[in-house]
Amino acid sequence: MRKSAAITLVIAIVLIVLGLGLSIYGVYLDSPHDYFRSYDHGFVSYHVRYVTSGYGSGHAATTFGHMLFNGGLVALVISFILNLHQDKEEKVVREKQRKADRAEAEKARAEAIDATVHEEASKADNADGD
């Protein structure tokens, strides 16, 4: 995996986690909260239970969480695109290397055959000259 793809993947994961966290926190702030109070003053004791709502105080956190989450998804897609692009480049490089290795092997084989033919010819010339 290319370094830029790995960095983009890490950023995507962080953005997705932060987005989910902020969205959950915003929903928590907007949800009704149940409070229970107990008062005891000597002979008199009483209990109070009341429910309050957040009055939209979590809307900003929820909205920002959605933006971070969407940014994380975009970064995740970019990371996969970078990784796929690198795989295609590596495939082209490997194919070129394979062709170069084959050409080099053919050249070495041809030189070995030429050397063998010349060696046999020189041995034949030496045998005729003796």
Protein backbone atom coordinates (compact mmCIF):
# COMPACT_ATOMS: atom_id res chain seq x y z
CA MET A 1 0.00 0.00 0.00
CA ARG A 2 1.34 3.40 -0.98
CA LYS A 3 2.14 5.82 1.84
CA SER A 4 -0.42 8.40 0.66
CA ALA A 5 -3.15 5.73 0.52
CA ALA A 6 -2.30 4.58 4.04
CA ILE A 7 -2.35 8.13 5.42
CA THR A 8 -5.68 8.82 3.71
CA LEU A 9 -7.09 5.59 5.16
CA VAL A 10 -6.04 6.58 8.69
CA ILE A 11 -7.56 10.04 8.26
CA ALA A 12 -10.78 8.46 6.96
CA ILE A 13 -11.05 6.16 9.96
CA VAL A 14 -10.44 9.04 12.40
CA LEU A 15 -13.05 11.23 10.67
CA ILE A 16 -15.64 8.44 10.67
CA VAL A 17 -15.11 7.71 14.37
CA LEU A 18 -15.24 11.42 15.30
CA GLY A 19 -18.35 11.90 13.16
CA LEU A 20 -20.14 9.01 14.84
CA GLY A 21 -19.09 10.22 18.29
CA LEU A 22 -20.29 13.78 17.72
CA SER A 23 -23.56 12.61 16.19
CA ILE A 24 -24.26 10.37 19.17
CA TYR A 25 -23.36 13.18 21.58
CA GLY A 26 -25.67 15.61 19.74
CA VAL A 27 -28.54 13.13 19.89
CA TYR A 28 -27.85 12.65 23.61
CA LEU A 29 -27.99 16.41 24.19
CA ASP A 30 -31.32 16.71 22.36
CA SER A 31 -32.93 13.76 24.10
CA PRO A 32 -35.18 14.32 27.14
CA HIS A 33 -33.39 13.91 30.45
CA ASP A 34 -35.10 12.52 33.50
CA TYR A 35 -34.12 14.08 36.83
CA PHE A 36 -35.03 12.84 40.26
CA ARG A 37 -34.47 14.90 43.39
CA SER A 38 -35.13 13.92 46.95
CA TYR A 39 -35.35 16.52 49.69
CA ASP A 40 -35.39 15.72 53.37
CA HIS A 41 -35.76 18.44 56.02
CA GLY A 42 -36.31 16.82 59.34
CA PHE A 43 -39.93 15.72 59.55
CA VAL A 44 -40.78 16.67 55.98
CA SER A 45 -39.37 14.85 52.99
CA TYR A 46 -40.49 14.98 49.40
CA HIS A 47 -39.39 13.73 46.02
CA VAL A 48 -39.41 15.64 42.76
CA ARG A 49 -39.15 14.04 39.37
CA TYR A 50 -39.04 16.10 36.18
CA VAL A 51 -38.12 15.68 32.54
CA THR A 52 -36.28 18.33 30.53
CA SER A 53 -35.44 18.48 26.89
CA GLY A 54 -32.27 19.79 25.33
CA TYR A 55 -34.08 22.47 23.28
CA GLY A 56 -31.92 21.83 20.23
CA SER A 57 -28.60 22.30 21.99
CA GLY A 58 -27.22 19.18 20.31
CA HIS A 59 -28.11 20.28 16.79
CA ALA A 60 -24.68 21.83 16.14
CA ALA A 61 -22.85 18.73 17.37
CA THR A 62 -25.09 16.45 15.32
CA THR A 63 -24.64 18.53 12.16
CA PHE A 64 -20.87 18.75 12.58
CA GLY A 65 -20.79 15.00 13.28
CA HIS A 66 -22.64 14.32 10.01
CA MET A 67 -20.15 16.51 8.11
CA LEU A 68 -17.16 14.71 9.66
CA PHE A 69 -18.70 11.31 8.92
CA ASN A 70 -19.36 12.24 5.28
CA GLY A 71 -15.82 13.60 4.99
CA GLY A 72 -14.53 10.30 6.35
CA LEU A 73 -16.50 8.36 3.76
CA VAL A 74 -15.09 10.55 0.98
CA ALA A 75 -11.55 10.07 2.33
CA LEU A 76 -12.17 6.30 2.45
CA VAL A 77 -13.18 6.26 -1.22
CA ILE A 78 -10.12 8.36 -2.12
CA SER A 79 -7.89 5.93 -0.22
CA PHE A 80 -9.30 2.96 -2.15
CA ILE A 81 -8.87 4.79 -5.45
CA LEU A 82 -5.24 5.62 -4.62
CA ASN A 83 -4.62 2.00 -3.66
CA LEU A 84 -6.19 0.64 -6.87
CA HIS A 85 -4.24 3.14 -8.98
CA GLN A 86 -1.02 1.98 -7.34
CA ASP A 87 -1.87 -1.66 -8.05
CA LYS A 88 -2.30 -0.88 -11.76
CA GLU A 89 1.04 0.98 -11.84
CA GLU A 90 2.78 -1.92 -10.10
CA LYS A 91 1.26 -4.36 -12.59
CA VAL A 92 2.62 -2.33 -15.53
CA VAL A 93 6.06 -2.13 -13.90
CA ARG A 94 6.08 -5.88 -13.21
CA GLU A 95 5.10 -6.61 -16.83
CA LYS A 96 7.88 -4.35 -18.15
CA GLN A 97 10.37 -6.02 -15.81
CA ARG A 98 9.22 -9.45 -16.96
CA LYS A 99 9.69 -8.47 -20.63
CA ALA A 100 13.14 -7.05 -19.89
CA ASP A 101 14.12 -10.25 -18.06
CA ARG A 102 12.92 -12.37 -21.00
CA ALA A 103 14.85 -10.21 -23.49
CA GLU A 104 17.97 -10.43 -21.33
CA ALA A 105 17.61 -14.22 -21.05
CA GLU A 106 17.19 -14.53 -24.84
CA LYS A 107 20.27 -12.36 -25.39
CA ALA A 108 22.31 -14.43 -22.91
CA ARG A 109 21.12 -17.66 -24.57
CA ALA A 110 22.06 -16.34 -28.02
CA GLU A 111 25.50 -15.27 -26.78
CA ALA A 112 26.00 -18.69 -25.17
CA ILE A 113 25.10 -20.42 -28.43
CA ASP A 114 27.43 -18.10 -30.39
CA ALA A 115 30.23 -18.76 -27.91
CA THR A 116 29.70 -22.50 -28.19
CA VAL A 117 29.69 -22.37 -32.00
CA HIS A 118 32.84 -20.23 -32.06
CA GLU A 119 34.53 -22.50 -29.51
CA GLU A 120 33.71 -25.59 -31.54
CA ALA A 121 34.90 -23.84 -34.72
CA SER A 122 38.17 -22.80 -33.11
CA LYS A 123 38.72 -26.35 -31.80
CA ALA A 124 38.10 -27.66 -35.30
CA ASP A 125 40.57 -25.11 -36.74
CA ASN A 126 43.17 -26.08 -34.15
CA ALA A 127 42.66 -29.76 -34.91
CA ASP A 128 43.09 -29.10 -38.64
CA GLY A 129 46.19 -27.05 -38.03
CA ASP A 130 47.97 -29.77 -36.05
